[in-house]
Amino acid sequence: MSDADAAEFYYEQRDNPEVWGEQVEARVSRKLDSVVSVRFNSAEIERIQQAADAAGLSLSAFIRRAALTAPGAEVIDLERARKDMAQARRFVIDALRALHA
């Protein structure tokens, strides 16, 4: 049987319980009704896809899970951290100058 023949057969039998077995009601734990667009560069998406594959999750489920667990993690404002490090560096340089004066 070719793929086309199989597709036609199963389409024609889509409502036949003798082919597919007894129909059961699906239970969905939550309604996913919002879509958020996120951009990744190619290296990032490759790493994320590999992590999702390793976790046995779809890319969407992996990103959703990561986003939902992120609020428990400390988020770092990189720009603020850079400014704080620059200021700390100036303090250290000033302290070294004072010690060597």
PDB file of N, CA and C in Angstrom:
ATOM      1  N   MET A   1       0.859  -1.172   0.000  1.00  0.00           N
ATOM      2  CA  MET A   1       0.000   0.000   0.000  1.00  0.00           C
ATOM      3  C   MET A   1       0.903   1.232   0.000  1.00  0.00           C
ATOM      4  N   SER A   2       0.679   2.147  -0.912  1.00  0.00           N
ATOM      5  CA  SER A   2       1.474   3.378  -0.981  1.00  0.00           C
ATOM      6  C   SER A   2       1.042   4.327   0.134  1.00  0.00           C
ATOM      7  N   ASP A   3       1.872   5.324   0.380  1.00  0.00           N
ATOM      8  CA  ASP A   3       1.519   6.332   1.386  1.00  0.00           C
ATOM      9  C   ASP A   3       0.215   7.047   1.010  1.00  0.00           C
ATOM     10  N   ALA A   4       0.054   7.309  -0.281  1.00  0.00           N
ATOM     11  CA  ALA A   4      -1.165   7.985  -0.742  1.00  0.00           C
ATOM     12  C   ALA A   4      -2.388   7.104  -0.504  1.00  0.00           C
ATOM     13  N   ASP A   5      -2.255   5.789  -0.790  1.00  0.00           N
ATOM     14  CA  ASP A   5      -3.366   4.860  -0.556  1.00  0.00           C
ATOM     15  C   ASP A   5      -3.697   4.768   0.931  1.00  0.00           C
ATOM     16  N   ALA A   6      -2.644   4.705   1.760  1.00  0.00           N
ATOM     17  CA  ALA A   6      -2.848   4.621   3.209  1.00  0.00           C
ATOM     18  C   ALA A   6      -3.532   5.889   3.718  1.00  0.00           C
ATOM     19  N   ALA A   7      -3.075   7.034   3.234  1.00  0.00           N
ATOM     20  CA  ALA A   7      -3.674   8.296   3.657  1.00  0.00           C
ATOM     21  C   ALA A   7      -5.151   8.348   3.289  1.00  0.00           C
ATOM     22  N   GLU A   8      -5.466   7.918   2.091  1.00  0.00           N
ATOM     23  CA  GLU A   8      -6.853   7.931   1.641  1.00  0.00           C
ATOM     24  C   GLU A   8      -7.701   6.968   2.482  1.00  0.00           C
ATOM     25  N   PHE A   9      -7.157   5.772   2.746  1.00  0.00           N
ATOM     26  CA  PHE A   9      -7.875   4.774   3.540  1.00  0.00           C
ATOM     27  C   PHE A   9      -8.184   5.323   4.936  1.00  0.00           C
ATOM     28  N   TYR A  10      -7.143   5.840   5.615  1.00  0.00           N
ATOM     29  CA  TYR A  10      -7.348   6.320   6.985  1.00  0.00           C
ATOM     30  C   TYR A  10      -8.234   7.559   7.032  1.00  0.00           C
ATOM     31  N   TYR A  11      -8.182   8.384   6.008  1.00  0.00           N
ATOM     32  CA  TYR A  11      -9.074   9.535   5.960  1.00  0.00           C
ATOM     33  C   TYR A  11     -10.526   9.067   5.828  1.00  0.00           C
ATOM     34  N   GLU A  12     -10.734   8.106   4.945  1.00  0.00           N
ATOM     35  CA  GLU A  12     -12.096   7.585   4.763  1.00  0.00           C
ATOM     36  C   GLU A  12     -12.604   6.889   6.017  1.00  0.00           C
ATOM     37  N   GLN A  13     -11.716   6.316   6.807  1.00  0.00           N
ATOM     38  CA  GLN A  13     -12.088   5.575   8.008  1.00  0.00           C
ATOM     39  C   GLN A  13     -11.946   6.400   9.289  1.00  0.00           C
ATOM     40  N   ARG A  14     -11.794   7.707   9.153  1.00  0.00           N
ATOM     41  CA  ARG A  14     -11.498   8.570  10.296  1.00  0.00           C
ATOM     42  C   ARG A  14     -12.533   8.495  11.409  1.00  0.00           C
ATOM     43  N   ASP A  15     -13.767   8.146  11.102  1.00  0.00           N
ATOM     44  CA  ASP A  15     -14.814   8.066  12.121  1.00  0.00           C
ATOM     45  C   ASP A  15     -15.233   6.630  12.428  1.00  0.00           C
ATOM     46  N   ASN A  16     -14.474   5.674  11.953  1.00  0.00           N
ATOM     47  CA  ASN A  16     -14.820   4.260  12.115  1.00  0.00           C
ATOM     48  C   ASN A  16     -14.160   3.705  13.377  1.00  0.00           C
ATOM     49  N   PRO A  17     -14.936   3.425  14.434  1.00  0.00           N
ATOM     50  CA  PRO A  17     -14.354   2.906  15.677  1.00  0.00           C
ATOM     51  C   PRO A  17     -13.751   1.515  15.515  1.00  0.00           C
ATOM     52  N   GLU A  18     -14.162   0.766  14.469  1.00  0.00           N
ATOM     53  CA  GLU A  18     -13.576  -0.557  14.240  1.00  0.00           C
ATOM     54  C   GLU A  18     -12.119  -0.439  13.790  1.00  0.00           C
ATOM     55  N   VAL A  19     -11.771   0.655  13.159  1.00  0.00           N
ATOM     56  CA  VAL A  19     -10.394   0.875  12.723  1.00  0.00           C
ATOM     57  C   VAL A  19      -9.581   1.535  13.838  1.00  0.00           C
ATOM     58  N   TRP A  20     -10.171   2.508  14.502  1.00  0.00           N
ATOM     59  CA  TRP A  20      -9.427   3.315  15.459  1.00  0.00           C
ATOM     60  C   TRP A  20      -9.651   2.926  16.914  1.00  0.00           C
ATOM     61  N   GLY A  21     -10.633   2.127  17.200  1.00  0.00           N
ATOM     62  CA  GLY A  21     -10.949   1.789  18.584  1.00  0.00           C
ATOM     63  C   GLY A  21     -11.946   2.769  19.156  1.00  0.00           C
ATOM     64  N   GLU A  22     -12.264   2.575  20.419  1.00  0.00           N
ATOM     65  CA  GLU A  22     -13.262   3.406  21.072  1.00  0.00           C
ATOM     66  C   GLU A  22     -12.755   4.826  21.255  1.00  0.00           C
ATOM     67  N   GLN A  23     -13.613   5.781  20.985  1.00  0.00           N
ATOM     68  CA  GLN A  23     -13.255   7.182  21.132  1.00  0.00           C
ATOM     69  C   GLN A  23     -13.288   7.553  22.606  1.00  0.00           C
ATOM     70  N   VAL A  24     -12.278   8.255  23.057  1.00  0.00           N
ATOM     71  CA  VAL A  24     -12.226   8.715  24.442  1.00  0.00           C
ATOM     72  C   VAL A  24     -12.148  10.232  24.451  1.00  0.00           C
ATOM     73  N   GLU A  25     -12.629  10.813  25.534  1.00  0.00           N
ATOM     74  CA  GLU A  25     -12.597  12.259  25.653  1.00  0.00           C
ATOM     75  C   GLU A  25     -11.212  12.684  26.122  1.00  0.00           C
ATOM     76  N   ALA A  26     -10.640  13.653  25.465  1.00  0.00           N
ATOM     77  CA  ALA A  26      -9.326  14.160  25.846  1.00  0.00           C
ATOM     78  C   ALA A  26      -9.477  15.130  27.010  1.00  0.00           C
ATOM     79  N   ARG A  27      -8.537  15.077  27.917  1.00  0.00           N
ATOM     80  CA  ARG A  27      -8.529  16.004  29.044  1.00  0.00           C
ATOM     81  C   ARG A  27      -7.319  16.918  28.891  1.00  0.00           C
ATOM     82  N   VAL A  28      -7.587  18.180  28.843  1.00  0.00           N
ATOM     83  CA  VAL A  28      -6.519  19.169  28.714  1.00  0.00           C
ATOM     84  C   VAL A  28      -6.444  19.916  30.027  1.00  0.00           C
ATOM     85  N   SER A  29      -5.247  19.976  30.592  1.00  0.00           N
ATOM     86  CA  SER A  29      -5.117  20.551  31.928  1.00  0.00           C
ATOM     87  C   SER A  29      -5.270  22.062  31.945  1.00  0.00           C
ATOM     88  N   ARG A  30      -4.926  22.731  30.854  1.00  0.00           N
ATOM     89  CA  ARG A  30      -5.081  24.185  30.847  1.00  0.00           C
ATOM     90  C   ARG A  30      -5.259  24.669  29.419  1.00  0.00           C
ATOM     91  N   LYS A  31      -5.871  25.799  29.319  1.00  0.00           N
ATOM     92  CA  LYS A  31      -6.111  26.385  28.007  1.00  0.00           C
ATOM     93  C   LYS A  31      -4.941  27.290  27.647  1.00  0.00           C
ATOM     94  N   LEU A  32      -4.295  26.993  26.527  1.00  0.00           N
ATOM     95  CA  LEU A  32      -3.219  27.833  26.039  1.00  0.00           C
ATOM     96  C   LEU A  32      -3.807  28.746  24.978  1.00  0.00           C
ATOM     97  N   ASP A  33      -4.084  29.983  25.368  1.00  0.00           N
ATOM     98  CA  ASP A  33      -4.784  30.871  24.447  1.00  0.00           C
ATOM     99  C   ASP A  33      -4.028  32.145  24.115  1.00  0.00           C
ATOM    100  N   SER A  34      -2.779  32.232  24.533  1.00  0.00           N
ATOM    101  CA  SER A  34      -1.977  33.408  24.217  1.00  0.00           C
ATOM    102  C   SER A  34      -0.701  32.983  23.514  1.00  0.00           C
ATOM    103  N   VAL A  35      -0.300  33.783  22.551  1.00  0.00           N
ATOM    104  CA  VAL A  35       0.926  33.528  21.807  1.00  0.00           C
ATOM    105  C   VAL A  35       1.853  34.709  22.029  1.00  0.00           C
ATOM    106  N   VAL A  36       3.099  34.406  22.355  1.00  0.00           N
ATOM    107  CA  VAL A  36       4.105  35.439  22.565  1.00  0.00           C
ATOM    108  C   VAL A  36       5.228  35.193  21.574  1.00  0.00           C
ATOM    109  N   SER A  37       5.619  36.239  20.893  1.00  0.00           N
ATOM    110  CA  SER A  37       6.695  36.128  19.914  1.00  0.00           C
ATOM    111  C   SER A  37       8.025  36.437  20.588  1.00  0.00           C
ATOM    112  N   VAL A  38       9.006  35.550  20.411  1.00  0.00           N
ATOM    113  CA  VAL A  38      10.329  35.710  21.008  1.00  0.00           C
ATOM    114  C   VAL A  38      11.365  35.498  19.923  1.00  0.00           C
ATOM    115  N   ARG A  39      12.431  36.295  19.941  1.00  0.00           N
ATOM    116  CA  ARG A  39      13.481  36.151  18.932  1.00  0.00           C
ATOM    117  C   ARG A  39      14.745  35.576  19.565  1.00  0.00           C
ATOM    118  N   PHE A  40      15.359  34.619  18.865  1.00  0.00           N
ATOM    119  CA  PHE A  40      16.629  34.040  19.263  1.00  0.00           C
ATOM    120  C   PHE A  40      17.552  34.061  18.061  1.00  0.00           C
ATOM    121  N   ASN A  41      18.861  34.183  18.300  1.00  0.00           N
ATOM    122  CA  ASN A  41      19.772  34.031  17.165  1.00  0.00           C
ATOM    123  C   ASN A  41      19.955  32.541  16.916  1.00  0.00           C
ATOM    124  N   SER A  42      20.597  32.183  15.818  1.00  0.00           N
ATOM    125  CA  SER A  42      20.664  30.772  15.422  1.00  0.00           C
ATOM    126  C   SER A  42      21.412  29.916  16.447  1.00  0.00           C
ATOM    127  N   ALA A  43      22.448  30.469  17.067  1.00  0.00           N
ATOM    128  CA  ALA A  43      23.183  29.695  18.073  1.00  0.00           C
ATOM    129  C   ALA A  43      22.317  29.453  19.309  1.00  0.00           C
ATOM    130  N   GLU A  44      21.573  30.466  19.725  1.00  0.00           N
ATOM    131  CA  GLU A  44      20.702  30.324  20.892  1.00  0.00           C
ATOM    132  C   GLU A  44      19.616  29.298  20.645  1.00  0.00           C
ATOM    133  N   ILE A  45      18.957  29.378  19.503  1.00  0.00           N
ATOM    134  CA  ILE A  45      17.843  28.451  19.252  1.00  0.00           C
ATOM    135  C   ILE A  45      18.354  27.024  19.123  1.00  0.00           C
ATOM    136  N   GLU A  46      19.563  26.864  18.596  1.00  0.00           N
ATOM    137  CA  GLU A  46      20.142  25.518  18.502  1.00  0.00           C
ATOM    138  C   GLU A  46      20.381  24.941  19.898  1.00  0.00           C
ATOM    139  N   ARG A  47      20.929  25.760  20.795  1.00  0.00           N
ATOM    140  CA  ARG A  47      21.160  25.304  22.170  1.00  0.00           C
ATOM    141  C   ARG A  47      19.842  24.986  22.877  1.00  0.00           C
ATOM    142  N   ILE A  48      18.845  25.841  22.666  1.00  0.00           N
ATOM    143  CA  ILE A  48      17.540  25.631  23.310  1.00  0.00           C
ATOM    144  C   ILE A  48      16.878  24.374  22.762  1.00  0.00           C
ATOM    145  N   GLN A  49      16.960  24.175  21.439  1.00  0.00           N
ATOM    146  CA  GLN A  49      16.366  22.979  20.834  1.00  0.00           C
ATOM    147  C   GLN A  49      17.043  21.716  21.350  1.00  0.00           C
ATOM    148  N   GLN A  50      18.362  21.740  21.491  1.00  0.00           N
ATOM    149  CA  GLN A  50      19.081  20.584  22.029  1.00  0.00           C
ATOM    150  C   GLN A  50      18.663  20.293  23.463  1.00  0.00           C
ATOM    151  N   ALA A  51      18.510  21.345  24.253  1.00  0.00           N
ATOM    152  CA  ALA A  51      18.063  21.160  25.641  1.00  0.00           C
ATOM    153  C   ALA A  51      16.643  20.615  25.690  1.00  0.00           C
ATOM    154  N   ALA A  52      15.776  21.109  24.807  1.00  0.00           N
ATOM    155  CA  ALA A  52      14.399  20.612  24.748  1.00  0.00           C
ATOM    156  C   ALA A  52      14.381  19.145  24.345  1.00  0.00           C
ATOM    157  N   ASP A  53      15.194  18.783  23.341  1.00  0.00           N
ATOM    158  CA  ASP A  53      15.272  17.388  22.910  1.00  0.00           C
ATOM    159  C   ASP A  53      15.755  16.504  24.053  1.00  0.00           C
ATOM    160  N   ALA A  54      16.791  16.963  24.769  1.00  0.00           N
ATOM    161  CA  ALA A  54      17.334  16.180  25.886  1.00  0.00           C
ATOM    162  C   ALA A  54      16.298  16.006  27.000  1.00  0.00           C
ATOM    163  N   ALA A  55      15.435  16.994  27.168  1.00  0.00           N
ATOM    164  CA  ALA A  55      14.392  16.924  28.202  1.00  0.00           C
ATOM    165  C   ALA A  55      13.155  16.168  27.727  1.00  0.00           C
ATOM    166  N   GLY A  56      13.139  15.821  26.427  1.00  0.00           N
ATOM    167  CA  GLY A  56      11.980  15.118  25.883  1.00  0.00           C
ATOM    168  C   GLY A  56      10.767  16.015  25.722  1.00  0.00           C
ATOM    169  N   LEU A  57      11.001  17.305  25.511  1.00  0.00           N
ATOM    170  CA  LEU A  57       9.911  18.260  25.390  1.00  0.00           C
ATOM    171  C   LEU A  57       9.935  18.924  24.025  1.00  0.00           C
ATOM    172  N   SER A  58       8.790  19.416  23.615  1.00  0.00           N
ATOM    173  CA  SER A  58       8.764  20.236  22.403  1.00  0.00           C
ATOM    174  C   SER A  58       9.465  21.547  22.725  1.00  0.00           C
ATOM    175  N   LEU A  59       9.865  22.247  21.701  1.00  0.00           N
ATOM    176  CA  LEU A  59      10.520  23.535  21.901  1.00  0.00           C
ATOM    177  C   LEU A  59       9.601  24.482  22.669  1.00  0.00           C
ATOM    178  N   SER A  60       8.349  24.520  22.285  1.00  0.00           N
ATOM    179  CA  SER A  60       7.374  25.386  22.938  1.00  0.00           C
ATOM    180  C   SER A  60       7.209  25.027  24.414  1.00  0.00           C
ATOM    181  N   ALA A  61       7.070  23.753  24.718  1.00  0.00           N
ATOM    182  CA  ALA A  61       6.896  23.318  26.111  1.00  0.00           C
ATOM    183  C   ALA A  61       8.146  23.618  26.937  1.00  0.00           C
ATOM    184  N   PHE A  62       9.319  23.439  26.333  1.00  0.00           N
ATOM    185  CA  PHE A  62      10.566  23.703  27.046  1.00  0.00           C
ATOM    186  C   PHE A  62      10.681  25.188  27.397  1.00  0.00           C
ATOM    187  N   ILE A  63      10.409  26.050  26.418  1.00  0.00           N
ATOM    188  CA  ILE A  63      10.494  27.493  26.658  1.00  0.00           C
ATOM    189  C   ILE A  63       9.444  27.916  27.682  1.00  0.00           C
ATOM    190  N   ARG A  64       8.231  27.358  27.587  1.00  0.00           N
ATOM    191  CA  ARG A  64       7.174  27.676  28.552  1.00  0.00           C
ATOM    192  C   ARG A  64       7.610  27.297  29.959  1.00  0.00           C
ATOM    193  N   ARG A  65       8.155  26.077  30.100  1.00  0.00           N
ATOM    194  CA  ARG A  65       8.587  25.615  31.422  1.00  0.00           C
ATOM    195  C   ARG A  65       9.715  26.501  31.964  1.00  0.00           C
ATOM    196  N   ALA A  66      10.665  26.845  31.109  1.00  0.00           N
ATOM    197  CA  ALA A  66      11.773  27.704  31.543  1.00  0.00           C
ATOM    198  C   ALA A  66      11.259  29.069  31.977  1.00  0.00           C
ATOM    199  N   ALA A  67      10.333  29.620  31.223  1.00  0.00           N
ATOM    200  CA  ALA A  67       9.792  30.939  31.559  1.00  0.00           C
ATOM    201  C   ALA A  67       9.008  30.893  32.873  1.00  0.00           C
ATOM    202  N   LEU A  68       8.267  29.834  33.095  1.00  0.00           N
ATOM    203  CA  LEU A  68       7.453  29.748  34.307  1.00  0.00           C
ATOM    204  C   LEU A  68       8.285  29.487  35.552  1.00  0.00           C
ATOM    205  N   THR A  69       9.468  28.903  35.408  1.00  0.00           N
ATOM    206  CA  THR A  69      10.329  28.680  36.571  1.00  0.00           C
ATOM    207  C   THR A  69      11.274  29.854  36.810  1.00  0.00           C
ATOM    208  N   ALA A  70      11.410  30.746  35.835  1.00  0.00           N
ATOM    209  CA  ALA A  70      12.331  31.875  35.952  1.00  0.00           C
ATOM    210  C   ALA A  70      11.996  32.831  37.091  1.00  0.00           C
ATOM    211  N   PRO A  71      10.728  33.092  37.407  1.00  0.00           N
ATOM    212  CA  PRO A  71      10.461  34.036  38.501  1.00  0.00           C
ATOM    213  C   PRO A  71      11.086  33.626  39.828  1.00  0.00           C
ATOM    214  N   GLY A  72      11.355  32.345  40.020  1.00  0.00           N
ATOM    215  CA  GLY A  72      12.010  31.894  41.248  1.00  0.00           C
ATOM    216  C   GLY A  72      13.511  32.122  41.226  1.00  0.00           C
ATOM    217  N   ALA A  73      14.058  32.412  40.067  1.00  0.00           N
ATOM    218  CA  ALA A  73      15.488  32.650  39.938  1.00  0.00           C
ATOM    219  C   ALA A  73      15.762  34.145  40.036  1.00  0.00           C
ATOM    220  N   GLU A  74      16.977  34.469  40.441  1.00  0.00           N
ATOM    221  CA  GLU A  74      17.356  35.875  40.518  1.00  0.00           C
ATOM    222  C   GLU A  74      17.674  36.380  39.122  1.00  0.00           C
ATOM    223  N   VAL A  75      17.044  37.446  38.733  1.00  0.00           N
ATOM    224  CA  VAL A  75      17.265  38.045  37.417  1.00  0.00           C
ATOM    225  C   VAL A  75      18.291  39.157  37.566  1.00  0.00           C
ATOM    226  N   ILE A  76      19.299  39.149  36.708  1.00  0.00           N
ATOM    227  CA  ILE A  76      20.363  40.138  36.780  1.00  0.00           C
ATOM    228  C   ILE A  76      20.174  41.168  35.676  1.00  0.00           C
ATOM    229  N   ASP A  77      20.179  42.435  36.062  1.00  0.00           N
ATOM    230  CA  ASP A  77      20.150  43.538  35.109  1.00  0.00           C
ATOM    231  C   ASP A  77      21.592  43.755  34.666  1.00  0.00           C
ATOM    232  N   LEU A  78      21.934  43.276  33.482  1.00  0.00           N
ATOM    233  CA  LEU A  78      23.318  43.324  33.026  1.00  0.00           C
ATOM    234  C   LEU A  78      23.849  44.745  32.918  1.00  0.00           C
ATOM    235  N   GLU A  79      23.038  45.656  32.445  1.00  0.00           N
ATOM    236  CA  GLU A  79      23.504  47.044  32.318  1.00  0.00           C
ATOM    237  C   GLU A  79      23.830  47.626  33.688  1.00  0.00           C
ATOM    238  N   ARG A  80      22.974  47.374  34.660  1.00  0.00           N
ATOM    239  CA  ARG A  80      23.229  47.852  36.030  1.00  0.00           C
ATOM    240  C   ARG A  80      24.476  47.178  36.604  1.00  0.00           C
ATOM    241  N   ALA A  81      24.651  45.877  36.346  1.00  0.00           N
ATOM    242  CA  ALA A  81      25.828  45.164  36.829  1.00  0.00           C
ATOM    243  C   ALA A  81      27.105  45.737  36.220  1.00  0.00           C
ATOM    244  N   ARG A  82      27.075  46.094  34.941  1.00  0.00           N
ATOM    245  CA  ARG A  82      28.244  46.702  34.293  1.00  0.00           C
ATOM    246  C   ARG A  82      28.596  48.039  34.943  1.00  0.00           C
ATOM    247  N   LYS A  83      27.573  48.848  35.203  1.00  0.00           N
ATOM    248  CA  LYS A  83      27.819  50.139  35.852  1.00  0.00           C
ATOM    249  C   LYS A  83      28.390  49.939  37.254  1.00  0.00           C
ATOM    250  N   ASP A  84      27.831  48.999  38.013  1.00  0.00           N
ATOM    251  CA  ASP A  84      28.318  48.729  39.367  1.00  0.00           C
ATOM    252  C   ASP A  84      29.763  48.230  39.333  1.00  0.00           C
ATOM    253  N   MET A  85      30.095  47.382  38.367  1.00  0.00           N
ATOM    254  CA  MET A  85      31.469  46.867  38.251  1.00  0.00           C
ATOM    255  C   MET A  85      32.441  47.987  37.877  1.00  0.00           C
ATOM    256  N   ALA A  86      32.021  48.888  36.997  1.00  0.00           N
ATOM    257  CA  ALA A  86      32.877  50.015  36.617  1.00  0.00           C
ATOM    258  C   ALA A  86      33.143  50.903  37.832  1.00  0.00           C
ATOM    259  N   GLN A  87      32.102  51.141  38.627  1.00  0.00           N
ATOM    260  CA  GLN A  87      32.263  51.956  39.825  1.00  0.00           C
ATOM    261  C   GLN A  87      33.179  51.247  40.828  1.00  0.00           C
ATOM    262  N   ALA A  88      32.996  49.938  41.016  1.00  0.00           N
ATOM    263  CA  ALA A  88      33.842  49.180  41.930  1.00  0.00           C
ATOM    264  C   ALA A  88      35.300  49.209  41.463  1.00  0.00           C
ATOM    265  N   ARG A  89      35.503  49.129  40.163  1.00  0.00           N
ATOM    266  CA  ARG A  89      36.863  49.186  39.602  1.00  0.00           C
ATOM    267  C   ARG A  89      37.510  50.535  39.921  1.00  0.00           C
ATOM    268  N   ARG A  90      36.747  51.620  39.775  1.00  0.00           N
ATOM    269  CA  ARG A  90      37.275  52.948  40.098  1.00  0.00           C
ATOM    270  C   ARG A  90      37.647  53.043  41.583  1.00  0.00           C
ATOM    271  N   PHE A  91      36.816  52.471  42.460  1.00  0.00           N
ATOM    272  CA  PHE A  91      37.115  52.473  43.893  1.00  0.00           C
ATOM    273  C   PHE A  91      38.408  51.723  44.179  1.00  0.00           C
ATOM    274  N   VAL A  92      38.590  50.570  43.538  1.00  0.00           N
ATOM    275  CA  VAL A  92      39.795  49.768  43.752  1.00  0.00           C
ATOM    276  C   VAL A  92      41.022  50.522  43.256  1.00  0.00           C
ATOM    277  N   ILE A  93      40.927  51.145  42.096  1.00  0.00           N
ATOM    278  CA  ILE A  93      42.054  51.910  41.553  1.00  0.00           C
ATOM    279  C   ILE A  93      42.394  53.073  42.486  1.00  0.00           C
ATOM    280  N   ASP A  94      41.367  53.775  42.963  1.00  0.00           N
ATOM    281  CA  ASP A  94      41.605  54.873  43.901  1.00  0.00           C
ATOM    282  C   ASP A  94      42.262  54.370  45.187  1.00  0.00           C
ATOM    283  N   ALA A  95      41.808  53.215  45.683  1.00  0.00           N
ATOM    284  CA  ALA A  95      42.388  52.651  46.906  1.00  0.00           C
ATOM    285  C   ALA A  95      43.844  52.244  46.680  1.00  0.00           C
ATOM    286  N   LEU A  96      44.147  51.652  45.529  1.00  0.00           N
ATOM    287  CA  LEU A  96      45.529  51.267  45.223  1.00  0.00           C
ATOM    288  C   LEU A  96      46.437  52.496  45.117  1.00  0.00           C
ATOM    289  N   ARG A  97      45.924  53.559  44.486  1.00  0.00           N
ATOM    290  CA  ARG A  97      46.704  54.799  44.383  1.00  0.00           C
ATOM    291  C   ARG A  97      46.987  55.376  45.762  1.00  0.00           C
ATOM    292  N   ALA A  98      45.982  55.330  46.625  1.00  0.00           N
ATOM    293  CA  ALA A  98      46.163  55.864  47.991  1.00  0.00           C
ATOM    294  C   ALA A  98      47.187  55.045  48.760  1.00  0.00           C
ATOM    295  N   LEU A  99      47.215  53.739  48.564  1.00  0.00           N
ATOM    296  CA  LEU A  99      48.180  52.883  49.262  1.00  0.00           C
ATOM    297  C   LEU A  99      49.610  53.108  48.766  1.00  0.00           C
ATOM    298  N   HIS A 100      49.758  53.426  47.503  1.00  0.00           N
ATOM    299  CA  HIS A 100      51.078  53.578  46.910  1.00  0.00           C
ATOM    300  C   HIS A 100      51.558  55.032  46.922  1.00  0.00           C
ATOM    301  N   ALA A 101      50.780  55.942  47.472  1.00  0.00           N
ATOM    302  CA  ALA A 101      51.172  57.359  47.469  1.00  0.00           C
ATOM    303  C   ALA A 101      52.103  57.700  48.596  1.00  0.00           C
TER     304      ALA A 101
END
